[in-house]
Each structure stands twice: as C-alpha cells, then as structure tokens.
Amino acid sequence: MALISRLFVILLGYFAASLAAGAILIAFEWQAWSQMGPGPDLIWLIGYGFFNIAGVLLLPSLIVFAVTETAHIRHPLAYAVLGALGLVLLAWYVGLIRLQPATHFRDGVVAAIMTGAGIVAGIVYWSIAGRNAGGWRKPPLPSQMP
C-alpha cells in the first residue's frame, strides 16, 4: 500500500514539475508570440508546453525516479541539476540548440531558458515527491558485526 501511494505522489510531482516547466517556457515565448498579432490564449499555450514536456520526458524521468528512489537521493540540488540536464538534452534532441558557430547567441539564450525551466521543474518535483525519496521502503537492518 505504501508503494502505491508513493507512485501516486511521484506522478503528481512529475505532472506539477512538467506544468511549471511548460509555464516558464511559454512565458518566455509569449512576448514574441503576442507581437505577431492575436494568437492563442496563454492557458492553452501553457497546456501545450505541459503536454510536450510531460510526454517527451516521461520515460527518461521514470528511469531517474527509479534511481533516486532506490538510492534514497533527497538533496534538492540533485533534482535541480537532473531537471536542468533533462530539459537541455530535450532542447538539443528536438533541435532548438544546434552545434553550429553561427547560432551561438540564440542557442545560448535557448539553453539558458531551458536550464532555468529545468531547475524550477526539479525543485517543484523535489518539494512534492523528492524530499521523501525512498521513504516507503523499510530501513536496512544494522549489521551484526562484532
């Protein structure tokens, strides 16, 4: 029963972190989109960002969650670094960041925005689920060495 409730908390933390990262990414793009004329509503765009992040990063995030749960990793810095790494790798995979000399400035801005969104997502996840990572398991028995 403790494992089932822990899985629920992990999913809740993951969806909240994805929503926070999606809101940050859309907030940075909202100014550019709003100058082009009337566009979609901000709430719809945040939902779009949420579904893109939550859908694409689900499998890598599950692997990270399994490792942090089994290793009892509870430090917020670990979750912030893993969140930033995940979103920067996502941006590189999707093609928002290119490894070409002509696009350094734009790519640096995109990498900075993705890093910031990943850090916020990692802290949001830590505040909901990461601070109790591995707490559902029974503590190991002390060794009986003489």
N, C-alpha and C. Protein backbone atom coordinates (compact mmCIF):
# COMPACT_ATOMS: atom_id res chain seq x y z
N MET A 1 0.82 -1.19 0.00
CA MET A 1 0.00 0.00 0.00
C MET A 1 0.87 1.26 0.00
N ALA A 2 1.99 1.21 0.70
CA ALA A 2 2.88 2.38 0.74
C ALA A 2 3.47 2.65 -0.64
N LEU A 3 3.75 1.59 -1.39
CA LEU A 3 4.32 1.76 -2.72
C LEU A 3 3.31 2.39 -3.66
N ILE A 4 2.05 2.00 -3.58
CA ILE A 4 1.02 2.56 -4.44
C ILE A 4 0.82 4.04 -4.15
N SER A 5 0.77 4.41 -2.89
CA SER A 5 0.63 5.83 -2.56
C SER A 5 1.87 6.61 -2.98
N ARG A 6 3.04 5.98 -2.90
CA ARG A 6 4.27 6.65 -3.33
C ARG A 6 4.28 6.88 -4.84
N LEU A 7 3.78 5.91 -5.61
CA LEU A 7 3.68 6.08 -7.06
C LEU A 7 2.73 7.22 -7.41
N PHE A 8 1.66 7.35 -6.65
CA PHE A 8 0.73 8.47 -6.87
C PHE A 8 1.42 9.80 -6.61
N VAL A 9 2.20 9.88 -5.54
CA VAL A 9 2.92 11.12 -5.22
C VAL A 9 3.97 11.43 -6.30
N ILE A 10 4.65 10.40 -6.79
CA ILE A 10 5.65 10.60 -7.85
C ILE A 10 4.99 11.15 -9.11
N LEU A 11 3.86 10.58 -9.51
CA LEU A 11 3.15 11.08 -10.69
C LEU A 11 2.63 12.49 -10.49
N LEU A 12 2.13 12.78 -9.32
CA LEU A 12 1.67 14.14 -9.02
C LEU A 12 2.83 15.13 -9.09
N GLY A 13 3.97 14.77 -8.53
CA GLY A 13 5.15 15.63 -8.60
C GLY A 13 5.65 15.80 -10.01
N TYR A 14 5.60 14.73 -10.80
CA TYR A 14 6.04 14.82 -12.19
C TYR A 14 5.14 15.74 -13.00
N PHE A 15 3.84 15.61 -12.83
CA PHE A 15 2.92 16.46 -13.59
C PHE A 15 3.01 17.92 -13.14
N ALA A 16 3.21 18.16 -11.85
CA ALA A 16 3.38 19.54 -11.37
C ALA A 16 4.68 20.14 -11.90
N ALA A 17 5.74 19.36 -11.93
CA ALA A 17 7.02 19.85 -12.46
C ALA A 17 6.91 20.12 -13.96
N SER A 18 6.21 19.26 -14.68
CA SER A 18 6.03 19.49 -16.12
C SER A 18 5.19 20.74 -16.38
N LEU A 19 4.20 20.97 -15.55
CA LEU A 19 3.38 22.17 -15.68
C LEU A 19 4.20 23.42 -15.40
N ALA A 20 5.05 23.37 -14.38
CA ALA A 20 5.89 24.52 -14.06
C ALA A 20 6.89 24.80 -15.17
N ALA A 21 7.51 23.77 -15.70
CA ALA A 21 8.47 23.96 -16.80
C ALA A 21 7.77 24.46 -18.05
N GLY A 22 6.61 23.92 -18.35
CA GLY A 22 5.85 24.38 -19.51
C GLY A 22 5.43 25.83 -19.38
N ALA A 23 5.03 26.25 -18.17
CA ALA A 23 4.64 27.64 -17.95
C ALA A 23 5.83 28.58 -18.13
N ILE A 24 6.99 28.17 -17.67
CA ILE A 24 8.18 29.02 -17.82
C ILE A 24 8.57 29.14 -19.29
N LEU A 25 8.57 28.04 -20.00
CA LEU A 25 8.95 28.08 -21.41
C LEU A 25 7.98 28.92 -22.22
N ILE A 26 6.70 28.78 -21.96
CA ILE A 26 5.70 29.56 -22.70
C ILE A 26 5.76 31.03 -22.30
N ALA A 27 6.05 31.32 -21.04
CA ALA A 27 6.15 32.71 -20.61
C ALA A 27 7.26 33.44 -21.34
N PHE A 28 8.37 32.78 -21.61
CA PHE A 28 9.45 33.41 -22.35
C PHE A 28 9.11 33.61 -23.82
N GLU A 29 8.29 32.74 -24.37
CA GLU A 29 7.91 32.86 -25.77
C GLU A 29 6.67 33.72 -25.96
N TRP A 30 5.92 33.99 -24.91
CA TRP A 30 4.66 34.71 -25.01
C TRP A 30 4.86 36.12 -25.57
N GLN A 31 5.92 36.77 -25.17
CA GLN A 31 6.16 38.13 -25.65
C GLN A 31 6.37 38.14 -27.16
N ALA A 32 7.14 37.21 -27.66
CA ALA A 32 7.38 37.16 -29.11
C ALA A 32 6.10 36.80 -29.86
N TRP A 33 5.31 35.88 -29.31
CA TRP A 33 4.07 35.49 -29.97
C TRP A 33 3.04 36.60 -29.93
N SER A 34 2.98 37.34 -28.84
CA SER A 34 1.96 38.39 -28.72
C SER A 34 2.25 39.56 -29.64
N GLN A 35 3.49 39.76 -30.08
CA GLN A 35 3.81 40.84 -31.00
C GLN A 35 3.42 40.50 -32.43
N MET A 36 3.16 39.24 -32.72
CA MET A 36 2.78 38.83 -34.07
C MET A 36 1.29 39.03 -34.34
N GLY A 37 0.55 39.42 -33.34
CA GLY A 37 -0.88 39.61 -33.52
C GLY A 37 -1.65 38.73 -32.57
N PRO A 38 -2.97 38.73 -32.71
CA PRO A 38 -3.76 37.89 -31.80
C PRO A 38 -3.46 36.41 -32.05
N GLY A 39 -3.21 35.75 -30.99
CA GLY A 39 -2.86 34.34 -31.08
C GLY A 39 -3.65 33.53 -30.08
N PRO A 40 -3.19 32.35 -29.81
CA PRO A 40 -3.90 31.50 -28.86
C PRO A 40 -3.83 32.05 -27.44
N ASP A 41 -4.73 31.59 -26.63
CA ASP A 41 -4.80 32.01 -25.23
C ASP A 41 -3.59 31.48 -24.46
N LEU A 42 -3.16 32.23 -23.44
CA LEU A 42 -1.98 31.83 -22.67
C LEU A 42 -2.19 30.50 -21.96
N ILE A 43 -3.39 30.25 -21.45
CA ILE A 43 -3.66 29.00 -20.74
C ILE A 43 -3.52 27.81 -21.70
N TRP A 44 -3.97 27.96 -22.93
CA TRP A 44 -3.83 26.89 -23.92
C TRP A 44 -2.36 26.64 -24.24
N LEU A 45 -1.59 27.70 -24.31
CA LEU A 45 -0.17 27.55 -24.61
C LEU A 45 0.57 26.86 -23.47
N ILE A 46 0.21 27.20 -22.23
CA ILE A 46 0.84 26.54 -21.08
C ILE A 46 0.49 25.05 -21.08
N GLY A 47 -0.75 24.73 -21.40
CA GLY A 47 -1.14 23.33 -21.53
C GLY A 47 -0.38 22.61 -22.63
N TYR A 48 -0.16 23.31 -23.73
CA TYR A 48 0.62 22.75 -24.83
C TYR A 48 2.05 22.47 -24.38
N GLY A 49 2.66 23.42 -23.69
CA GLY A 49 4.01 23.21 -23.17
C GLY A 49 4.07 22.06 -22.17
N PHE A 50 3.03 21.97 -21.31
CA PHE A 50 2.96 20.89 -20.33
C PHE A 50 2.90 19.53 -21.01
N PHE A 51 2.02 19.38 -21.98
CA PHE A 51 1.88 18.08 -22.64
C PHE A 51 3.12 17.71 -23.45
N ASN A 52 3.78 18.69 -24.03
CA ASN A 52 5.01 18.37 -24.76
C ASN A 52 6.11 17.89 -23.82
N ILE A 53 6.29 18.59 -22.72
CA ILE A 53 7.35 18.20 -21.79
C ILE A 53 7.00 16.89 -21.10
N ALA A 54 5.75 16.78 -20.63
CA ALA A 54 5.35 15.57 -19.91
C ALA A 54 5.39 14.35 -20.81
N GLY A 55 5.02 14.52 -22.07
CA GLY A 55 5.00 13.38 -22.97
C GLY A 55 6.37 12.94 -23.43
N VAL A 56 7.23 13.88 -23.74
CA VAL A 56 8.53 13.53 -24.29
C VAL A 56 9.48 13.03 -23.19
N LEU A 57 9.41 13.60 -22.03
CA LEU A 57 10.36 13.24 -20.97
C LEU A 57 9.84 12.19 -19.99
N LEU A 58 8.74 11.54 -20.30
CA LEU A 58 8.17 10.58 -19.35
C LEU A 58 9.11 9.39 -19.11
N LEU A 59 9.57 8.75 -20.16
CA LEU A 59 10.40 7.57 -19.98
C LEU A 59 11.75 7.88 -19.33
N PRO A 60 12.49 8.92 -19.78
CA PRO A 60 13.74 9.23 -19.07
C PRO A 60 13.50 9.63 -17.61
N SER A 61 12.39 10.31 -17.36
CA SER A 61 12.10 10.72 -15.98
C SER A 61 11.78 9.52 -15.11
N LEU A 62 11.09 8.53 -15.63
CA LEU A 62 10.81 7.33 -14.84
C LEU A 62 12.09 6.61 -14.46
N ILE A 63 13.06 6.61 -15.35
CA ILE A 63 14.35 5.99 -15.03
C ILE A 63 15.05 6.77 -13.91
N VAL A 64 15.02 8.09 -14.01
CA VAL A 64 15.63 8.93 -12.97
C VAL A 64 14.91 8.74 -11.64
N PHE A 65 13.57 8.66 -11.67
CA PHE A 65 12.82 8.48 -10.44
C PHE A 65 13.13 7.13 -9.80
N ALA A 66 13.29 6.08 -10.61
CA ALA A 66 13.62 4.77 -10.06
C ALA A 66 15.00 4.80 -9.39
N VAL A 67 15.94 5.48 -10.01
CA VAL A 67 17.29 5.55 -9.43
C VAL A 67 17.27 6.36 -8.14
N THR A 68 16.58 7.50 -8.14
CA THR A 68 16.56 8.33 -6.93
C THR A 68 15.79 7.66 -5.80
N GLU A 69 14.76 6.89 -6.12
CA GLU A 69 14.02 6.18 -5.08
C GLU A 69 14.85 5.06 -4.47
N THR A 70 15.54 4.30 -5.30
CA THR A 70 16.31 3.18 -4.75
C THR A 70 17.56 3.64 -4.03
N ALA A 71 18.13 4.76 -4.46
CA ALA A 71 19.35 5.26 -3.82
C ALA A 71 19.06 6.25 -2.70
N HIS A 72 17.80 6.52 -2.41
CA HIS A 72 17.39 7.45 -1.35
C HIS A 72 17.99 8.84 -1.56
N ILE A 73 18.04 9.32 -2.78
CA ILE A 73 18.58 10.65 -3.06
C ILE A 73 17.51 11.67 -2.74
N ARG A 74 17.79 12.54 -1.76
CA ARG A 74 16.81 13.51 -1.29
C ARG A 74 17.30 14.95 -1.36
N HIS A 75 18.45 15.20 -1.89
CA HIS A 75 19.00 16.55 -1.90
C HIS A 75 18.37 17.37 -3.03
N PRO A 76 17.91 18.59 -2.74
CA PRO A 76 17.25 19.40 -3.79
C PRO A 76 18.18 19.77 -4.94
N LEU A 77 19.48 19.89 -4.67
CA LEU A 77 20.41 20.22 -5.73
C LEU A 77 20.48 19.11 -6.78
N ALA A 78 20.38 17.88 -6.35
CA ALA A 78 20.40 16.76 -7.29
C ALA A 78 19.20 16.83 -8.24
N TYR A 79 18.03 17.15 -7.71
CA TYR A 79 16.85 17.25 -8.55
C TYR A 79 16.91 18.46 -9.47
N ALA A 80 17.48 19.56 -9.00
CA ALA A 80 17.63 20.75 -9.84
C ALA A 80 18.58 20.47 -11.00
N VAL A 81 19.69 19.81 -10.72
CA VAL A 81 20.66 19.50 -11.77
C VAL A 81 20.07 18.49 -12.76
N LEU A 82 19.39 17.47 -12.27
CA LEU A 82 18.80 16.49 -13.17
C LEU A 82 17.69 17.10 -14.02
N GLY A 83 16.90 18.01 -13.45
CA GLY A 83 15.87 18.69 -14.23
C GLY A 83 16.46 19.57 -15.31
N ALA A 84 17.50 20.32 -14.97
CA ALA A 84 18.15 21.18 -15.97
C ALA A 84 18.78 20.34 -17.07
N LEU A 85 19.45 19.27 -16.69
CA LEU A 85 20.07 18.39 -17.68
C LEU A 85 19.02 17.78 -18.60
N GLY A 86 17.91 17.37 -18.04
CA GLY A 86 16.85 16.77 -18.85
C GLY A 86 16.28 17.73 -19.87
N LEU A 87 16.00 18.96 -19.49
CA LEU A 87 15.42 19.90 -20.44
C LEU A 87 16.43 20.41 -21.46
N VAL A 88 17.68 20.57 -21.07
CA VAL A 88 18.68 20.97 -22.06
C VAL A 88 18.90 19.85 -23.08
N LEU A 89 18.94 18.61 -22.62
CA LEU A 89 19.06 17.49 -23.56
C LEU A 89 17.83 17.38 -24.45
N LEU A 90 16.66 17.69 -23.91
CA LEU A 90 15.44 17.71 -24.72
C LEU A 90 15.53 18.78 -25.81
N ALA A 91 16.01 19.96 -25.45
CA ALA A 91 16.14 21.04 -26.43
C ALA A 91 17.15 20.67 -27.51
N TRP A 92 18.22 20.02 -27.13
CA TRP A 92 19.21 19.61 -28.11
C TRP A 92 18.64 18.51 -29.03
N TYR A 93 17.90 17.58 -28.46
CA TYR A 93 17.31 16.49 -29.23
C TYR A 93 16.27 17.01 -30.23
N VAL A 94 15.46 17.93 -29.80
CA VAL A 94 14.41 18.47 -30.66
C VAL A 94 14.99 19.38 -31.73
N GLY A 95 16.13 19.95 -31.50
CA GLY A 95 16.78 20.80 -32.48
C GLY A 95 16.72 22.28 -32.15
N LEU A 96 16.31 22.62 -30.93
CA LEU A 96 16.30 24.02 -30.54
C LEU A 96 17.70 24.55 -30.32
N ILE A 97 18.62 23.66 -29.98
CA ILE A 97 20.03 24.03 -29.79
C ILE A 97 20.83 23.29 -30.84
N ARG A 98 21.55 24.03 -31.65
CA ARG A 98 22.38 23.42 -32.69
C ARG A 98 23.85 23.65 -32.35
N LEU A 99 24.66 22.76 -32.76
CA LEU A 99 26.09 22.90 -32.50
C LEU A 99 26.77 23.51 -33.72
N GLN A 100 26.34 24.72 -34.06
CA GLN A 100 26.91 25.44 -35.20
C GLN A 100 27.42 26.79 -34.72
N PRO A 101 28.55 27.26 -35.24
CA PRO A 101 29.11 28.53 -34.77
C PRO A 101 28.23 29.74 -35.06
N ALA A 102 27.41 29.71 -36.09
CA ALA A 102 26.62 30.88 -36.47
C ALA A 102 25.45 31.14 -35.53
N THR A 103 25.06 30.17 -34.72
CA THR A 103 23.86 30.33 -33.90
C THR A 103 24.17 30.35 -32.41
N HIS A 104 25.38 30.74 -32.02
CA HIS A 104 25.74 30.68 -30.61
C HIS A 104 24.86 31.54 -29.72
N PHE A 105 24.55 32.76 -30.14
CA PHE A 105 23.79 33.64 -29.25
C PHE A 105 22.38 33.11 -29.03
N ARG A 106 21.69 32.76 -30.11
CA ARG A 106 20.33 32.27 -29.96
C ARG A 106 20.32 30.95 -29.19
N ASP A 107 21.27 30.09 -29.48
CA ASP A 107 21.32 28.82 -28.78
C ASP A 107 21.66 29.01 -27.31
N GLY A 108 22.49 30.00 -27.00
CA GLY A 108 22.80 30.27 -25.60
C GLY A 108 21.58 30.74 -24.83
N VAL A 109 20.75 31.55 -25.46
CA VAL A 109 19.53 32.03 -24.82
C VAL A 109 18.56 30.86 -24.61
N VAL A 110 18.39 30.03 -25.62
CA VAL A 110 17.51 28.87 -25.50
C VAL A 110 18.02 27.92 -24.42
N ALA A 111 19.32 27.69 -24.39
CA ALA A 111 19.88 26.81 -23.37
C ALA A 111 19.69 27.39 -21.97
N ALA A 112 19.82 28.70 -21.84
CA ALA A 112 19.61 29.33 -20.53
C ALA A 112 18.16 29.22 -20.08
N ILE A 113 17.23 29.43 -21.01
CA ILE A 113 15.81 29.31 -20.66
C ILE A 113 15.47 27.87 -20.29
N MET A 114 15.96 26.91 -21.06
CA MET A 114 15.69 25.51 -20.76
C MET A 114 16.34 25.09 -19.45
N THR A 115 17.53 25.60 -19.16
CA THR A 115 18.19 25.29 -17.89
C THR A 115 17.39 25.84 -16.73
N GLY A 116 16.94 27.08 -16.84
CA GLY A 116 16.13 27.66 -15.77
C GLY A 116 14.82 26.92 -15.57
N ALA A 117 14.16 26.55 -16.66
CA ALA A 117 12.91 25.80 -16.54
C ALA A 117 13.16 24.43 -15.92
N GLY A 118 14.28 23.80 -16.27
CA GLY A 118 14.61 22.50 -15.69
C GLY A 118 14.92 22.59 -14.21
N ILE A 119 15.61 23.65 -13.81
CA ILE A 119 15.90 23.83 -12.38
C ILE A 119 14.60 24.02 -11.60
N VAL A 120 13.71 24.84 -12.12
CA VAL A 120 12.42 25.06 -11.45
C VAL A 120 11.63 23.76 -11.41
N ALA A 121 11.63 23.01 -12.51
CA ALA A 121 10.91 21.74 -12.53
C ALA A 121 11.50 20.76 -11.52
N GLY A 122 12.81 20.71 -11.41
CA GLY A 122 13.45 19.82 -10.43
C GLY A 122 13.11 20.20 -9.00
N ILE A 123 13.08 21.50 -8.71
CA ILE A 123 12.73 21.94 -7.36
C ILE A 123 11.26 21.68 -7.05
N VAL A 124 10.39 21.87 -8.04
CA VAL A 124 8.97 21.58 -7.83
C VAL A 124 8.78 20.10 -7.55
N TYR A 125 9.45 19.25 -8.33
CA TYR A 125 9.34 17.81 -8.09
C TYR A 125 9.90 17.45 -6.72
N TRP A 126 11.04 18.04 -6.35
CA TRP A 126 11.62 17.74 -5.05
C TRP A 126 10.67 18.14 -3.93
N SER A 127 10.02 19.29 -4.06
CA SER A 127 9.14 19.76 -2.98
C SER A 127 7.90 18.88 -2.82
N ILE A 128 7.50 18.21 -3.88
CA ILE A 128 6.32 17.35 -3.77
C ILE A 128 6.71 15.91 -3.47
N ALA A 129 7.67 15.36 -4.20
CA ALA A 129 7.95 13.94 -4.07
C ALA A 129 9.40 13.61 -3.71
N GLY A 130 10.34 14.42 -4.11
CA GLY A 130 11.75 14.06 -3.95
C GLY A 130 12.28 14.13 -2.54
N ARG A 131 11.69 14.96 -1.71
CA ARG A 131 12.24 15.10 -0.35
C ARG A 131 11.97 13.89 0.52
N ASN A 132 11.08 13.01 0.07
CA ASN A 132 10.82 11.77 0.80
C ASN A 132 11.21 10.54 -0.03
N ALA A 133 12.16 10.70 -0.93
CA ALA A 133 12.53 9.60 -1.84
C ALA A 133 13.03 8.40 -1.06
N GLY A 134 12.49 7.26 -1.38
CA GLY A 134 12.89 6.02 -0.73
C GLY A 134 12.33 5.83 0.66
N GLY A 135 11.49 6.73 1.12
CA GLY A 135 10.93 6.63 2.46
C GLY A 135 9.91 5.53 2.62
N TRP A 136 9.37 5.03 1.55
CA TRP A 136 8.37 3.98 1.63
C TRP A 136 8.97 2.62 1.94
N ARG A 137 10.30 2.49 1.71
CA ARG A 137 10.97 1.23 1.98
C ARG A 137 11.34 1.13 3.44
N LYS A 138 11.41 -0.07 3.93
CA LYS A 138 11.86 -0.28 5.30
C LYS A 138 13.35 0.02 5.37
N PRO A 139 13.80 0.65 6.45
CA PRO A 139 15.24 0.93 6.57
C PRO A 139 16.03 -0.37 6.67
N PRO A 140 17.25 -0.38 6.14
CA PRO A 140 18.05 -1.60 6.21
C PRO A 140 18.39 -1.93 7.66
N LEU A 141 18.50 -3.21 7.93
CA LEU A 141 18.85 -3.66 9.27
C LEU A 141 20.31 -3.32 9.56
N PRO A 142 20.61 -2.93 10.79
CA PRO A 142 22.01 -2.66 11.11
C PRO A 142 22.80 -3.96 11.06
N SER A 143 24.05 -3.84 10.64
CA SER A 143 24.88 -5.05 10.52
C SER A 143 25.21 -5.58 11.91
N GLN A 144 25.31 -6.86 12.00
CA GLN A 144 25.58 -7.53 13.26
C GLN A 144 27.06 -7.89 13.40
N MET A 145 27.93 -7.00 13.01
CA MET A 145 29.38 -7.25 13.09
C MET A 145 29.83 -7.11 14.54
N PRO A 146 30.71 -8.02 15.02
CA PRO A 146 31.18 -7.92 16.41
C PRO A 146 32.18 -6.83 16.61
